[in-house]
PDB file of N, CA and C in Angstrom:
ATOM      1  N   MET A   1      15.642  13.574  10.841  1.00  0.00           N
ATOM      2  CA  MET A   1      15.133  12.596  11.933  1.00  0.00           C
ATOM      3  C   MET A   1      14.737  12.550  12.869  1.00  0.00           C
ATOM      4  N   ASN A   2      13.925  13.267  13.875  1.00  0.00           N
ATOM      5  CA  ASN A   2      14.190  13.179  15.305  1.00  0.00           C
ATOM      6  C   ASN A   2      13.350  12.020  16.254  1.00  0.00           C
ATOM      7  N   PRO A   3      14.363  10.595  16.685  1.00  0.00           N
ATOM      8  CA  PRO A   3      14.100  10.109  16.753  1.00  0.00           C
ATOM      9  C   PRO A   3      13.259  10.192  18.144  1.00  0.00           C
ATOM     10  N   ARG A   4      13.167  10.779  19.002  1.00  0.00           N
ATOM     11  CA  ARG A   4      13.123  11.659  20.212  1.00  0.00           C
ATOM     12  C   ARG A   4      11.252  12.354  20.259  1.00  0.00           C
ATOM     13  N   ALA A   5      10.579  12.335  19.102  1.00  0.00           N
ATOM     14  CA  ALA A   5       9.955  13.347  18.470  1.00  0.00           C
ATOM     15  C   ALA A   5       8.374  12.527  19.364  1.00  0.00           C
ATOM     16  N   ASP A   6       7.470  12.899  19.784  1.00  0.00           N
ATOM     17  CA  ASP A   6       6.499  12.816  20.920  1.00  0.00           C
ATOM     18  C   ASP A   6       5.628  12.237  19.305  1.00  0.00           C
ATOM     19  N   VAL A   7       4.826  11.165  20.110  1.00  0.00           N
ATOM     20  CA  VAL A   7       4.089  10.111  19.677  1.00  0.00           C
ATOM     21  C   VAL A   7       2.724  10.406  19.867  1.00  0.00           C
ATOM     22  N   VAL A   8       2.172  10.475  18.763  1.00  0.00           N
ATOM     23  CA  VAL A   8       0.742  10.868  18.693  1.00  0.00           C
ATOM     24  C   VAL A   8      -0.652  10.010  18.483  1.00  0.00           C
ATOM     25  N   ALA A   9      -1.207   9.685  19.966  1.00  0.00           N
ATOM     26  CA  ALA A   9      -1.856   8.198  18.947  1.00  0.00           C
ATOM     27  C   ALA A   9      -3.037   8.078  18.937  1.00  0.00           C
ATOM     28  N   SER A  10      -3.554   7.432  18.483  1.00  0.00           N
ATOM     29  CA  SER A  10      -4.564   7.396  17.430  1.00  0.00           C
ATOM     30  C   SER A  10      -5.940   7.218  18.163  1.00  0.00           C
ATOM     31  N   SER A  11      -7.000   8.043  17.934  1.00  0.00           N
ATOM     32  CA  SER A  11      -7.992   7.608  19.162  1.00  0.00           C
ATOM     33  C   SER A  11      -8.987   6.395  18.603  1.00  0.00           C
ATOM     34  N   SER A  12      -8.888   6.366  17.448  1.00  0.00           N
ATOM     35  CA  SER A  12     -10.068   4.956  17.048  1.00  0.00           C
ATOM     36  C   SER A  12      -8.660   3.604  17.543  1.00  0.00           C
ATOM     37  N   ASN A  13      -9.547   2.958  18.210  1.00  0.00           N
ATOM     38  CA  ASN A  13      -9.421   1.721  18.786  1.00  0.00           C
ATOM     39  C   ASN A  13      -9.421   0.281  17.572  1.00  0.00           C
ATOM     40  N   ASP A  14      -9.863   0.880  16.519  1.00  0.00           N
ATOM     41  CA  ASP A  14     -10.376  -0.587  15.611  1.00  0.00           C
ATOM     42  C   ASP A  14      -9.653  -0.099  14.224  1.00  0.00           C
ATOM     43  N   TRP A  15      -8.486   0.680  14.515  1.00  0.00           N
ATOM     44  CA  TRP A  15      -8.082   1.158  13.229  1.00  0.00           C
ATOM     45  C   TRP A  15      -6.253  -0.075  13.001  1.00  0.00           C
ATOM     46  N   ASP A  16      -6.576  -0.902  12.185  1.00  0.00           N
ATOM     47  CA  ASP A  16      -5.460  -1.377  12.096  1.00  0.00           C
ATOM     48  C   ASP A  16      -4.481  -1.523  11.556  1.00  0.00           C
ATOM     49  N   GLY A  17      -3.936   0.083  10.921  1.00  0.00           N
ATOM     50  CA  GLY A  17      -3.112   0.497  10.521  1.00  0.00           C
ATOM     51  C   GLY A  17      -2.881   0.241   8.661  1.00  0.00           C
ATOM     52  N   TYR A  18      -3.578  -0.769   8.331  1.00  0.00           N
ATOM     53  CA  TYR A  18      -3.111  -1.138   6.454  1.00  0.00           C
ATOM     54  C   TYR A  18      -4.707  -0.279   6.117  1.00  0.00           C
ATOM     55  N   ASP A  19      -4.954   0.767   6.199  1.00  0.00           N
ATOM     56  CA  ASP A  19      -5.857   0.748   5.156  1.00  0.00           C
ATOM     57  C   ASP A  19      -5.787   2.578   4.554  1.00  0.00           C
ATOM     58  N   ASP A  20      -6.524   3.664   4.093  1.00  0.00           N
ATOM     59  CA  ASP A  20      -6.120   4.873   3.967  1.00  0.00           C
ATOM     60  C   ASP A  20      -6.157   5.323   4.842  1.00  0.00           C
ATOM     61  N   ARG A  21      -6.015   5.242   6.175  1.00  0.00           N
ATOM     62  CA  ARG A  21      -5.712   6.652   7.198  1.00  0.00           C
ATOM     63  C   ARG A  21      -4.886   6.750   7.529  1.00  0.00           C
ATOM     64  N   LEU A  22      -3.666   6.567   6.310  1.00  0.00           N
ATOM     65  CA  LEU A  22      -1.935   7.355   7.007  1.00  0.00           C
ATOM     66  C   LEU A  22      -1.662   8.468   7.237  1.00  0.00           C
ATOM     67  N   GLY A  23      -1.537   9.310   7.888  1.00  0.00           N
ATOM     68  CA  GLY A  23      -1.500   9.953   8.332  1.00  0.00           C
ATOM     69  C   GLY A  23       0.069  10.488   7.533  1.00  0.00           C
ATOM     70  N   ASP A  24       0.132  12.269   7.429  1.00  0.00           N
ATOM     71  CA  ASP A  24       1.442  12.959   6.565  1.00  0.00           C
ATOM     72  C   ASP A  24       2.762  12.140   6.870  1.00  0.00           C
ATOM     73  N   ASN A  25       2.907  11.884   8.185  1.00  0.00           N
ATOM     74  CA  ASN A  25       4.438  11.072   8.489  1.00  0.00           C
ATOM     75  C   ASN A  25       3.935   9.334   8.671  1.00  0.00           C
ATOM     76  N   HIS A  26       3.219   9.260   7.652  1.00  0.00           N
ATOM     77  CA  HIS A  26       3.333   7.708   7.603  1.00  0.00           C
ATOM     78  C   HIS A  26       2.965   7.336   5.844  1.00  0.00           C
ATOM     79  N   ARG A  27       4.159   6.173   5.347  1.00  0.00           N
ATOM     80  CA  ARG A  27       3.366   5.902   4.524  1.00  0.00           C
ATOM     81  C   ARG A  27       3.655   4.309   4.375  1.00  0.00           C
ATOM     82  N   ARG A  28       3.009   3.361   3.268  1.00  0.00           N
ATOM     83  CA  ARG A  28       2.984   2.229   3.382  1.00  0.00           C
ATOM     84  C   ARG A  28       4.881   1.312   3.220  1.00  0.00           C
ATOM     85  N   SER A  29       4.935   0.613   4.005  1.00  0.00           N
ATOM     86  CA  SER A  29       6.147  -0.092   3.478  1.00  0.00           C
ATOM     87  C   SER A  29       6.671  -0.105   1.837  1.00  0.00           C
ATOM     88  N   THR A  30       7.871  -0.386   1.540  1.00  0.00           N
ATOM     89  CA  THR A  30       7.848  -0.434  -0.486  1.00  0.00           C
ATOM     90  C   THR A  30       8.456  -1.507  -0.735  1.00  0.00           C
ATOM     91  N   ASP A  31       8.859  -2.311   0.478  1.00  0.00           N
ATOM     92  CA  ASP A  31       9.624  -4.003  -0.009  1.00  0.00           C
ATOM     93  C   ASP A  31       8.767  -4.819   0.319  1.00  0.00           C
ATOM     94  N   GLY A  32       7.293  -4.981  -0.436  1.00  0.00           N
ATOM     95  CA  GLY A  32       6.252  -5.577   0.440  1.00  0.00           C
ATOM     96  C   GLY A  32       5.821  -6.098   1.595  1.00  0.00           C
ATOM     97  N   GLU A  33       6.432  -5.361   2.647  1.00  0.00           N
ATOM     98  CA  GLU A  33       5.399  -6.256   3.883  1.00  0.00           C
ATOM     99  C   GLU A  33       4.673  -5.554   4.247  1.00  0.00           C
ATOM    100  N   ARG A  34       3.639  -5.923   5.134  1.00  0.00           N
ATOM    101  CA  ARG A  34       2.621  -5.696   5.420  1.00  0.00           C
ATOM    102  C   ARG A  34       3.379  -4.756   6.934  1.00  0.00           C
ATOM    103  N   GLY A  35       3.082  -3.431   6.682  1.00  0.00           N
ATOM    104  CA  GLY A  35       3.671  -2.839   7.627  1.00  0.00           C
ATOM    105  C   GLY A  35       3.549  -1.460   7.273  1.00  0.00           C
ATOM    106  N   ILE A  36       3.690  -0.335   8.297  1.00  0.00           N
ATOM    107  CA  ILE A  36       3.619   1.256   8.164  1.00  0.00           C
ATOM    108  C   ILE A  36       4.811   1.803   8.670  1.00  0.00           C
ATOM    109  N   VAL A  37       5.995   2.521   7.876  1.00  0.00           N
ATOM    110  CA  VAL A  37       7.085   3.349   7.776  1.00  0.00           C
ATOM    111  C   VAL A  37       6.629   4.586   8.406  1.00  0.00           C
ATOM    112  N   VAL A  38       7.394   5.061   9.792  1.00  0.00           N
ATOM    113  CA  VAL A  38       6.765   5.828  10.703  1.00  0.00           C
ATOM    114  C   VAL A  38       8.001   7.175   9.986  1.00  0.00           C
ATOM    115  N   THR A  39       7.818   7.989   9.352  1.00  0.00           N
ATOM    116  CA  THR A  39       8.745   9.196   9.240  1.00  0.00           C
ATOM    117  C   THR A  39       8.999   9.695  10.308  1.00  0.00           C
ATOM    118  N   ASP A  40       7.987  10.289  11.118  1.00  0.00           N
ATOM    119  CA  ASP A  40       8.375  10.791  12.504  1.00  0.00           C
ATOM    120  C   ASP A  40       8.119   9.692  13.522  1.00  0.00           C
ATOM    121  N   THR A  41       9.913   9.388  13.553  1.00  0.00           N
ATOM    122  CA  THR A  41      10.131   8.242  14.257  1.00  0.00           C
ATOM    123  C   THR A  41       9.274   8.231  15.800  1.00  0.00           C
ATOM    124  N   PRO A  42       8.546   7.208  16.121  1.00  0.00           N
ATOM    125  CA  PRO A  42       8.345   6.953  17.788  1.00  0.00           C
ATOM    126  C   PRO A  42       8.974   6.890  18.709  1.00  0.00           C
ATOM    127  N   ALA A  43      10.496   5.581  18.388  1.00  0.00           N
ATOM    128  CA  ALA A  43      11.368   5.139  19.253  1.00  0.00           C
ATOM    129  C   ALA A  43      11.870   5.846  20.238  1.00  0.00           C
ATOM    130  N   ASP A  44      12.185   5.777  21.100  1.00  0.00           N
ATOM    131  CA  ASP A  44      12.476   6.708  22.507  1.00  0.00           C
ATOM    132  C   ASP A  44      13.865   6.787  21.915  1.00  0.00           C
ATOM    133  N   VAL A  45      14.253   5.845  21.773  1.00  0.00           N
ATOM    134  CA  VAL A  45      15.876   5.761  21.229  1.00  0.00           C
ATOM    135  C   VAL A  45      16.630   4.592  20.266  1.00  0.00           C
ATOM    136  N   LEU A  46      17.166   5.348  19.320  1.00  0.00           N
ATOM    137  CA  LEU A  46      17.994   4.965  18.337  1.00  0.00           C
ATOM    138  C   LEU A  46      19.045   4.687  18.801  1.00  0.00           C
ATOM    139  N   TYR A  47      19.776   3.125  18.859  1.00  0.00           N
ATOM    140  CA  TYR A  47      21.241   2.823  18.557  1.00  0.00           C
ATOM    141  C   TYR A  47      21.641   2.115  17.416  1.00  0.00           C
ATOM    142  N   GLU A  48      22.774   2.994  17.394  1.00  0.00           N
ATOM    143  CA  GLU A  48      23.857   1.861  15.940  1.00  0.00           C
ATOM    144  C   GLU A  48      25.288   1.085  16.893  1.00  0.00           C
ATOM    145  N   GLY A  49      24.695   0.168  16.052  1.00  0.00           N
ATOM    146  CA  GLY A  49      25.847  -0.906  16.591  1.00  0.00           C
ATOM    147  C   GLY A  49      27.418  -1.088  15.919  1.00  0.00           C
ATOM    148  N   ALA A  50      27.969  -1.240  16.643  1.00  0.00           N
ATOM    149  CA  ALA A  50      29.345  -1.695  16.015  1.00  0.00           C
ATOM    150  C   ALA A  50      29.340  -2.640  14.317  1.00  0.00           C
ATOM    151  N   ASN A  51      28.457  -2.954  14.895  1.00  0.00           N
ATOM    152  CA  ASN A  51      27.935  -3.872  13.620  1.00  0.00           C
ATOM    153  C   ASN A  51      27.608  -3.232  12.423  1.00  0.00           C
ATOM    154  N   GLY A  52      27.413  -1.774  12.251  1.00  0.00           N
ATOM    155  CA  GLY A  52      26.832  -1.503  11.542  1.00  0.00           C
ATOM    156  C   GLY A  52      25.290  -1.088  10.960  1.00  0.00           C
ATOM    157  N   HIS A  53      24.858  -2.586  11.902  1.00  0.00           N
ATOM    158  CA  HIS A  53      23.258  -2.042  11.555  1.00  0.00           C
ATOM    159  C   HIS A  53      22.536  -1.207  13.291  1.00  0.00           C
ATOM    160  N   TYR A  54      21.309  -0.861  12.550  1.00  0.00           N
ATOM    161  CA  TYR A  54      20.808  -0.188  13.906  1.00  0.00           C
ATOM    162  C   TYR A  54      19.539  -0.661  14.183  1.00  0.00           C
ATOM    163  N   TYR A  55      19.019  -0.303  15.529  1.00  0.00           N
ATOM    164  CA  TYR A  55      18.201  -1.000  16.410  1.00  0.00           C
ATOM    165  C   TYR A  55      17.372  -0.012  17.461  1.00  0.00           C
ATOM    166  N   THR A  56      15.809  -0.227  17.566  1.00  0.00           N
ATOM    167  CA  THR A  56      15.136   0.448  18.460  1.00  0.00           C
ATOM    168  C   THR A  56      15.375  -0.342  19.924  1.00  0.00           C
ATOM    169  N   ASP A  57      15.080   0.868  20.686  1.00  0.00           N
ATOM    170  CA  ASP A  57      14.782   0.684  22.142  1.00  0.00           C
ATOM    171  C   ASP A  57      13.982  -0.946  22.508  1.00  0.00           C
ATOM    172  N   CYS A  58      13.027  -0.838  21.879  1.00  0.00           N
ATOM    173  CA  CYS A  58      12.084  -2.075  21.489  1.00  0.00           C
ATOM    174  C   CYS A  58      13.146  -2.985  20.931  1.00  0.00           C
ATOM    175  N   GLN A  59      14.008  -2.967  20.085  1.00  0.00           N
ATOM    176  CA  GLN A  59      14.723  -3.980  19.343  1.00  0.00           C
ATOM    177  C   GLN A  59      15.334  -4.806  20.623  1.00  0.00           C
ATOM    178  N   VAL A  60      16.330  -3.651  21.205  1.00  0.00           N
ATOM    179  CA  VAL A  60      17.659  -4.242  21.939  1.00  0.00           C
ATOM    180  C   VAL A  60      16.642  -5.001  23.045  1.00  0.00           C
ATOM    181  N   THR A  61      15.138  -4.023  23.567  1.00  0.00           N
ATOM    182  CA  THR A  61      14.934  -4.889  24.883  1.00  0.00           C
ATOM    183  C   THR A  61      14.655  -6.248  24.710  1.00  0.00           C
ATOM    184  N   THR A  62      13.263  -6.523  23.687  1.00  0.00           N
ATOM    185  CA  THR A  62      13.269  -7.871  23.179  1.00  0.00           C
ATOM    186  C   THR A  62      14.817  -8.680  23.098  1.00  0.00           C
ATOM    187  N   ASN A  63      15.310  -8.429  22.501  1.00  0.00           N
ATOM    188  CA  ASN A  63      16.638  -8.937  22.340  1.00  0.00           C
ATOM    189  C   ASN A  63      17.418  -9.980  23.896  1.00  0.00           C
ATOM    190  N   LEU A  64      17.964  -8.476  24.462  1.00  0.00           N
ATOM    191  CA  LEU A  64      17.770  -8.555  25.785  1.00  0.00           C
ATOM    192  C   LEU A  64      17.131 -10.059  26.759  1.00  0.00           C
ATOM    193  N   ARG A  65      15.431  -9.893  26.461  1.00  0.00           N
ATOM    194  CA  ARG A  65      14.180 -10.675  27.245  1.00  0.00           C
ATOM    195  C   ARG A  65      14.588 -11.548  26.869  1.00  0.00           C
ATOM    196  N   THR A  66      14.797 -12.342  25.459  1.00  0.00           N
ATOM    197  CA  THR A  66      14.728 -13.168  25.353  1.00  0.00           C
ATOM    198  C   THR A  66      15.732 -14.023  24.906  1.00  0.00           C
ATOM    199  N   GLU A  67      16.966 -13.270  25.986  1.00  0.00           N
ATOM    200  CA  GLU A  67      18.499 -13.562  26.108  1.00  0.00           C
ATOM    201  C   GLU A  67      18.998 -13.896  24.559  1.00  0.00           C
ATOM    202  N   ARG A  68      19.065 -13.532  23.201  1.00  0.00           N
ATOM    203  CA  ARG A  68      19.788 -13.377  22.818  1.00  0.00           C
ATOM    204  C   ARG A  68      20.519 -12.475  22.089  1.00  0.00           C
ATOM    205  N   TRP A  69      20.280 -11.581  23.129  1.00  0.00           N
ATOM    206  CA  TRP A  69      21.753 -11.139  23.612  1.00  0.00           C
ATOM    207  C   TRP A  69      21.625 -10.807  25.288  1.00  0.00           C
ATOM    208  N   LYS A  70      22.836 -10.974  25.779  1.00  0.00           N
ATOM    209  CA  LYS A  70      23.088 -11.143  27.165  1.00  0.00           C
ATOM    210  C   LYS A  70      23.719  -9.511  27.614  1.00  0.00           C
ATOM    211  N   PRO A  71      23.480  -8.784  28.709  1.00  0.00           N
ATOM    212  CA  PRO A  71      24.232  -7.484  28.761  1.00  0.00           C
ATOM    213  C   PRO A  71      25.420  -8.150  29.071  1.00  0.00           C
ATOM    214  N   CYS A  72      26.473  -6.712  29.588  1.00  0.00           N
ATOM    215  CA  CYS A  72      27.594  -7.013  29.742  1.00  0.00           C
ATOM    216  C   CYS A  72      28.217  -6.177  30.558  1.00  0.00           C
ATOM    217  N   ILE A  73      28.050  -4.871  29.949  1.00  0.00           N
ATOM    218  CA  ILE A  73      28.900  -3.177  30.366  1.00  0.00           C
ATOM    219  C   ILE A  73      27.298  -2.192  29.804  1.00  0.00           C
ATOM    220  N   ARG A  74      27.233  -1.405  30.790  1.00  0.00           N
ATOM    221  CA  ARG A  74      26.568  -0.351  30.220  1.00  0.00           C
ATOM    222  C   ARG A  74      26.591   0.491  31.034  1.00  0.00           C
ATOM    223  N   GLN A  75      27.209   1.666  30.058  1.00  0.00           N
ATOM    224  CA  GLN A  75      28.130   2.654  30.550  1.00  0.00           C
ATOM    225  C   GLN A  75      26.946   4.044  30.471  1.00  0.00           C
ATOM    226  N   ARG A  76      27.060   5.314  31.469  1.00  0.00           N
ATOM    227  CA  ARG A  76      26.396   6.368  31.375  1.00  0.00           C
ATOM    228  C   ARG A  76      26.523   7.553  30.383  1.00  0.00           C
ATOM    229  N   ASP A  77      27.902   7.388  30.907  1.00  0.00           N
ATOM    230  CA  ASP A  77      28.164   8.932  30.160  1.00  0.00           C
ATOM    231  C   ASP A  77      29.459   8.680  29.690  1.00  0.00           C
ATOM    232  N   PRO A  78      29.556   8.828  28.243  1.00  0.00           N
ATOM    233  CA  PRO A  78      28.483   8.583  27.617  1.00  0.00           C
ATOM    234  C   PRO A  78      27.639   7.552  27.541  1.00  0.00           C
ATOM    235  N   ASP A  79      26.731   7.179  27.276  1.00  0.00           N
ATOM    236  CA  ASP A  79      25.770   6.264  27.166  1.00  0.00           C
ATOM    237  C   ASP A  79      25.644   5.285  26.038  1.00  0.00           C
ATOM    238  N   ARG A  80      26.315   4.256  26.398  1.00  0.00           N
ATOM    239  CA  ARG A  80      26.411   3.113  25.816  1.00  0.00           C
ATOM    240  C   ARG A  80      26.237   2.208  26.277  1.00  0.00           C
ATOM    241  N   ARG A  81      26.324   0.589  25.788  1.00  0.00           N
ATOM    242  CA  ARG A  81      25.563  -0.682  26.142  1.00  0.00           C
ATOM    243  C   ARG A  81      26.586  -1.421  25.013  1.00  0.00           C
ATOM    244  N   LEU A  82      27.232  -2.357  25.744  1.00  0.00           N
ATOM    245  CA  LEU A  82      28.250  -3.939  25.204  1.00  0.00           C
ATOM    246  C   LEU A  82      27.062  -4.897  25.771  1.00  0.00           C
ATOM    247  N   VAL A  83      26.836  -6.180  24.547  1.00  0.00           N
ATOM    248  CA  VAL A  83      26.071  -7.012  24.708  1.00  0.00           C
ATOM    249  C   VAL A  83      26.854  -8.171  24.346  1.00  0.00           C
ATOM    250  N   GLU A  84      26.192  -9.117  24.475  1.00  0.00           N
ATOM    251  CA  GLU A  84      27.227 -10.512  23.878  1.00  0.00           C
ATOM    252  C   GLU A  84      25.747 -11.132  23.372  1.00  0.00           C
ATOM    253  N   THR A  85      26.421 -10.913  22.118  1.00  0.00           N
ATOM    254  CA  THR A  85      25.183 -11.854  21.232  1.00  0.00           C
ATOM    255  C   THR A  85      25.041 -13.580  21.297  1.00  0.00           C
ATOM    256  N   SER A  86      24.476 -13.663  20.533  1.00  0.00           N
ATOM    257  CA  SER A  86      23.892 -15.328  20.946  1.00  0.00           C
ATOM    258  C   SER A  86      24.881 -16.169  20.004  1.00  0.00           C
ATOM    259  N   ASP A  87      26.250 -16.058  19.465  1.00  0.00           N
ATOM    260  CA  ASP A  87      27.374 -16.509  18.405  1.00  0.00           C
ATOM    261  C   ASP A  87      28.526 -16.084  19.387  1.00  0.00           C
ATOM    262  N   GLY A  88      28.108 -15.674  20.775  1.00  0.00           N
ATOM    263  CA  GLY A  88      29.536 -15.666  21.486  1.00  0.00           C
ATOM    264  C   GLY A  88      29.629 -14.316  21.178  1.00  0.00           C
ATOM    265  N   GLY A  89      29.640 -13.552  20.508  1.00  0.00           N
ATOM    266  CA  GLY A  89      30.122 -12.370  19.703  1.00  0.00           C
ATOM    267  C   GLY A  89      29.995 -10.909  21.225  1.00  0.00           C
ATOM    268  N   LEU A  90      30.216  -9.890  20.421  1.00  0.00           N
ATOM    269  CA  LEU A  90      30.317  -8.548  21.455  1.00  0.00           C
ATOM    270  C   LEU A  90      29.808  -8.027  20.500  1.00  0.00           C
ATOM    271  N   LEU A  91      28.898  -7.346  21.225  1.00  0.00           N
ATOM    272  CA  LEU A  91      28.232  -6.220  20.593  1.00  0.00           C
ATOM    273  C   LEU A  91      27.984  -4.525  21.194  1.00  0.00           C
ATOM    274  N   LEU A  92      29.063  -3.905  20.546  1.00  0.00           N
ATOM    275  CA  LEU A  92      28.781  -2.227  20.953  1.00  0.00           C
ATOM    276  C   LEU A  92      27.541  -1.598  20.801  1.00  0.00           C
ATOM    277  N   LEU A  93      26.645  -0.872  21.631  1.00  0.00           N
ATOM    278  CA  LEU A  93      25.081  -0.195  21.013  1.00  0.00           C
ATOM    279  C   LEU A  93      25.744   1.612  21.078  1.00  0.00           C
ATOM    280  N   THR A  94      25.600   2.402  20.869  1.00  0.00           N
ATOM    281  CA  THR A  94      25.393   4.085  20.875  1.00  0.00           C
ATOM    282  C   THR A  94      24.333   4.461  20.386  1.00  0.00           C
ATOM    283  N   PRO A  95      23.654   5.142  21.327  1.00  0.00           N
ATOM    284  CA  PRO A  95      22.843   5.819  20.931  1.00  0.00           C
ATOM    285  C   PRO A  95      22.686   6.595  19.937  1.00  0.00           C
ATOM    286  N   THR A  96      21.821   7.293  18.797  1.00  0.00           N
ATOM    287  CA  THR A  96      22.446   7.642  17.762  1.00  0.00           C
ATOM    288  C   THR A  96      20.878   8.934  17.421  1.00  0.00           C
ATOM    289  N   ASP A  97      21.138   9.658  16.754  1.00  0.00           N
ATOM    290  CA  ASP A  97      19.941  11.012  16.505  1.00  0.00           C
ATOM    291  C   ASP A  97      19.467  10.643  15.382  1.00  0.00           C
ATOM    292  N   ASP A  98      20.591  10.162  14.545  1.00  0.00           N
ATOM    293  CA  ASP A  98      19.904  10.078  12.925  1.00  0.00           C
ATOM    294  C   ASP A  98      20.239   8.948  11.636  1.00  0.00           C
ATOM    295  N   LEU A  99      19.457   8.230  11.539  1.00  0.00           N
ATOM    296  CA  LEU A  99      19.767   6.961  10.522  1.00  0.00           C
ATOM    297  C   LEU A  99      19.381   6.996   9.274  1.00  0.00           C
ATOM    298  N   PRO A 100      20.726   6.090   8.516  1.00  0.00           N
ATOM    299  CA  PRO A 100      21.062   6.752   7.270  1.00  0.00           C
ATOM    300  C   PRO A 100      19.690   6.381   6.401  1.00  0.00           C
ATOM    301  N   ALA A 101      20.201   6.777   4.863  1.00  0.00           N
ATOM    302  CA  ALA A 101      19.000   7.008   4.195  1.00  0.00           C
ATOM    303  C   ALA A 101      18.490   5.319   3.880  1.00  0.00           C
ATOM    304  N   TRP A 102      19.102   4.415   4.034  1.00  0.00           N
ATOM    305  CA  TRP A 102      18.826   2.940   3.220  1.00  0.00           C
ATOM    306  C   TRP A 102      18.116   2.617   4.841  1.00  0.00           C
ATOM    307  N   ALA A 103      17.792   3.147   6.299  1.00  0.00           N
ATOM    308  CA  ALA A 103      16.781   2.472   7.174  1.00  0.00           C
ATOM    309  C   ALA A 103      15.431   3.354   7.330  1.00  0.00           C
ATOM    310  N   GLU A 104      15.076   2.750   7.430  1.00  0.00           N
ATOM    311  CA  GLU A 104      13.337   3.141   7.725  1.00  0.00           C
ATOM    312  C   GLU A 104      12.878   2.503   9.516  1.00  0.00           C
ATOM    313  N   ILE A 105      12.097   3.321  10.194  1.00  0.00           N
ATOM    314  CA  ILE A 105      11.608   2.224  11.258  1.00  0.00           C
ATOM    315  C   ILE A 105       9.834   1.888  10.405  1.00  0.00           C
ATOM    316  N   ARG A 106      10.281   0.314  11.700  1.00  0.00           N
ATOM    317  CA  ARG A 106       8.608   0.422  11.187  1.00  0.00           C
ATOM    318  C   ARG A 106       8.000  -0.343  12.367  1.00  0.00           C
ATOM    319  N   VAL A 107       6.521   0.135  12.156  1.00  0.00           N
ATOM    320  CA  VAL A 107       5.925  -0.374  13.821  1.00  0.00           C
ATOM    321  C   VAL A 107       4.395  -1.266  12.785  1.00  0.00           C
ATOM    322  N   ASP A 108       4.623  -2.568  13.883  1.00  0.00           N
ATOM    323  CA  ASP A 108       4.005  -3.945  13.189  1.00  0.00           C
ATOM    324  C   ASP A 108       3.690  -4.447  14.460  1.00  0.00           C
ATOM    325  N   ASP A 109       3.049  -5.609  14.595  1.00  0.00           N
ATOM    326  CA  ASP A 109       2.642  -6.591  15.737  1.00  0.00           C
ATOM    327  C   ASP A 109       4.078  -6.558  16.442  1.00  0.00           C
ATOM    328  N   ARG A 110       4.866  -6.352  15.842  1.00  0.00           N
ATOM    329  CA  ARG A 110       5.814  -6.929  16.909  1.00  0.00           C
ATOM    330  C   ARG A 110       6.833  -5.543  17.681  1.00  0.00           C
ATOM    331  N   GLY A 111       6.499  -4.662  17.370  1.00  0.00           N
ATOM    332  CA  GLY A 111       7.139  -3.175  17.662  1.00  0.00           C
ATOM    333  C   GLY A 111       7.600  -2.812  17.239  1.00  0.00           C
ATOM    334  N   THR A 112       8.244  -1.563  17.263  1.00  0.00           N
ATOM    335  CA  THR A 112       8.991  -0.512  16.256  1.00  0.00           C
ATOM    336  C   THR A 112      10.603  -0.914  16.015  1.00  0.00           C
ATOM    337  N   ARG A 113      11.116  -0.753  14.740  1.00  0.00           N
ATOM    338  CA  ARG A 113      12.445  -1.981  14.572  1.00  0.00           C
ATOM    339  C   ARG A 113      12.728  -1.031  13.767  1.00  0.00           C
ATOM    340  N   VAL A 114      13.990  -1.282  13.052  1.00  0.00           N
ATOM    341  CA  VAL A 114      14.659  -0.361  11.959  1.00  0.00           C
ATOM    342  C   VAL A 114      14.901  -1.781  10.944  1.00  0.00           C
ATOM    343  N   VAL A 115      14.635  -1.745   9.742  1.00  0.00           N
ATOM    344  CA  VAL A 115      14.632  -2.049   8.561  1.00  0.00           C
ATOM    345  C   VAL A 115      15.581  -1.775   7.650  1.00  0.00           C
ATOM    346  N   ASP A 116      16.426  -2.558   7.265  1.00  0.00           N
ATOM    347  CA  ASP A 116      17.451  -2.029   5.993  1.00  0.00           C
ATOM    348  C   ASP A 116      16.906  -2.149   4.348  1.00  0.00           C
ATOM    349  N   THR A 117      16.660  -1.329   3.887  1.00  0.00           N
ATOM    350  CA  THR A 117      15.555  -1.202   2.695  1.00  0.00           C
ATOM    351  C   THR A 117      16.696  -1.658   1.266  1.00  0.00           C
ATOM    352  N   ARG A 118      18.021  -1.785   1.737  1.00  0.00           N
ATOM    353  CA  ARG A 118      19.365  -2.302   0.539  1.00  0.00           C
ATOM    354  C   ARG A 118      18.942  -3.492   0.183  1.00  0.00           C
ATOM    355  N   ARG A 119      17.920  -4.443   1.272  1.00  0.00           N
ATOM    356  CA  ARG A 119      18.326  -5.767   1.055  1.00  0.00           C
ATOM    357  C   ARG A 119      17.492  -6.334  -0.047  1.00  0.00           C
ATOM    358  N   PRO A 120      17.801  -7.312  -0.534  1.00  0.00           N
ATOM    359  CA  PRO A 120      16.249  -7.874  -1.393  1.00  0.00           C
ATOM    360  C   PRO A 120      15.128  -8.498  -0.930  1.00  0.00           C
ATOM    361  N   LEU A 121      14.123  -8.779  -1.660  1.00  0.00           N
ATOM    362  CA  LEU A 121      12.958  -9.093  -1.040  1.00  0.00           C
ATOM    363  C   LEU A 121      13.660 -11.074  -1.059  1.00  0.00           C
ATOM    364  N   PRO A 122      13.032 -11.932  -0.487  1.00  0.00           N
ATOM    365  CA  PRO A 122      13.082 -13.217  -0.402  1.00  0.00           C
ATOM    366  C   PRO A 122      12.770 -13.512  -1.261  1.00  0.00           C
ATOM    367  N   GLU A 123      12.758 -14.492  -2.495  1.00  0.00           N
ATOM    368  CA  GLU A 123      11.929 -15.096  -3.426  1.00  0.00           C
ATOM    369  C   GLU A 123      11.576 -16.336  -2.688  1.00  0.00           C
TER     370      GLU A 123
END
């Protein structure tokens, strides 16, 4: 999986992403969520967290903008970020090119995000 792959935009503005016009690099979510799984990742950067979770650049930016996370230190060579989480813990984020088999990239109205498909559906 190459997270730095170029994204090809749809020429139709009226497509909501939930009909039968999914391309070869898209498929429907397998866990019942209304969303699309993108196999050719549109994420610019993927991060592996020291907590074992994976994050897209969109998720990192959202968490920082909403102040769920607070930036502590950013190192550029090698690129790493240390953030403080809402519970006061520290989280080290390191860019990665690979996602484990249990992780999927989803694109929906909230943006691009990594979803752990090992978790059971809520009842």
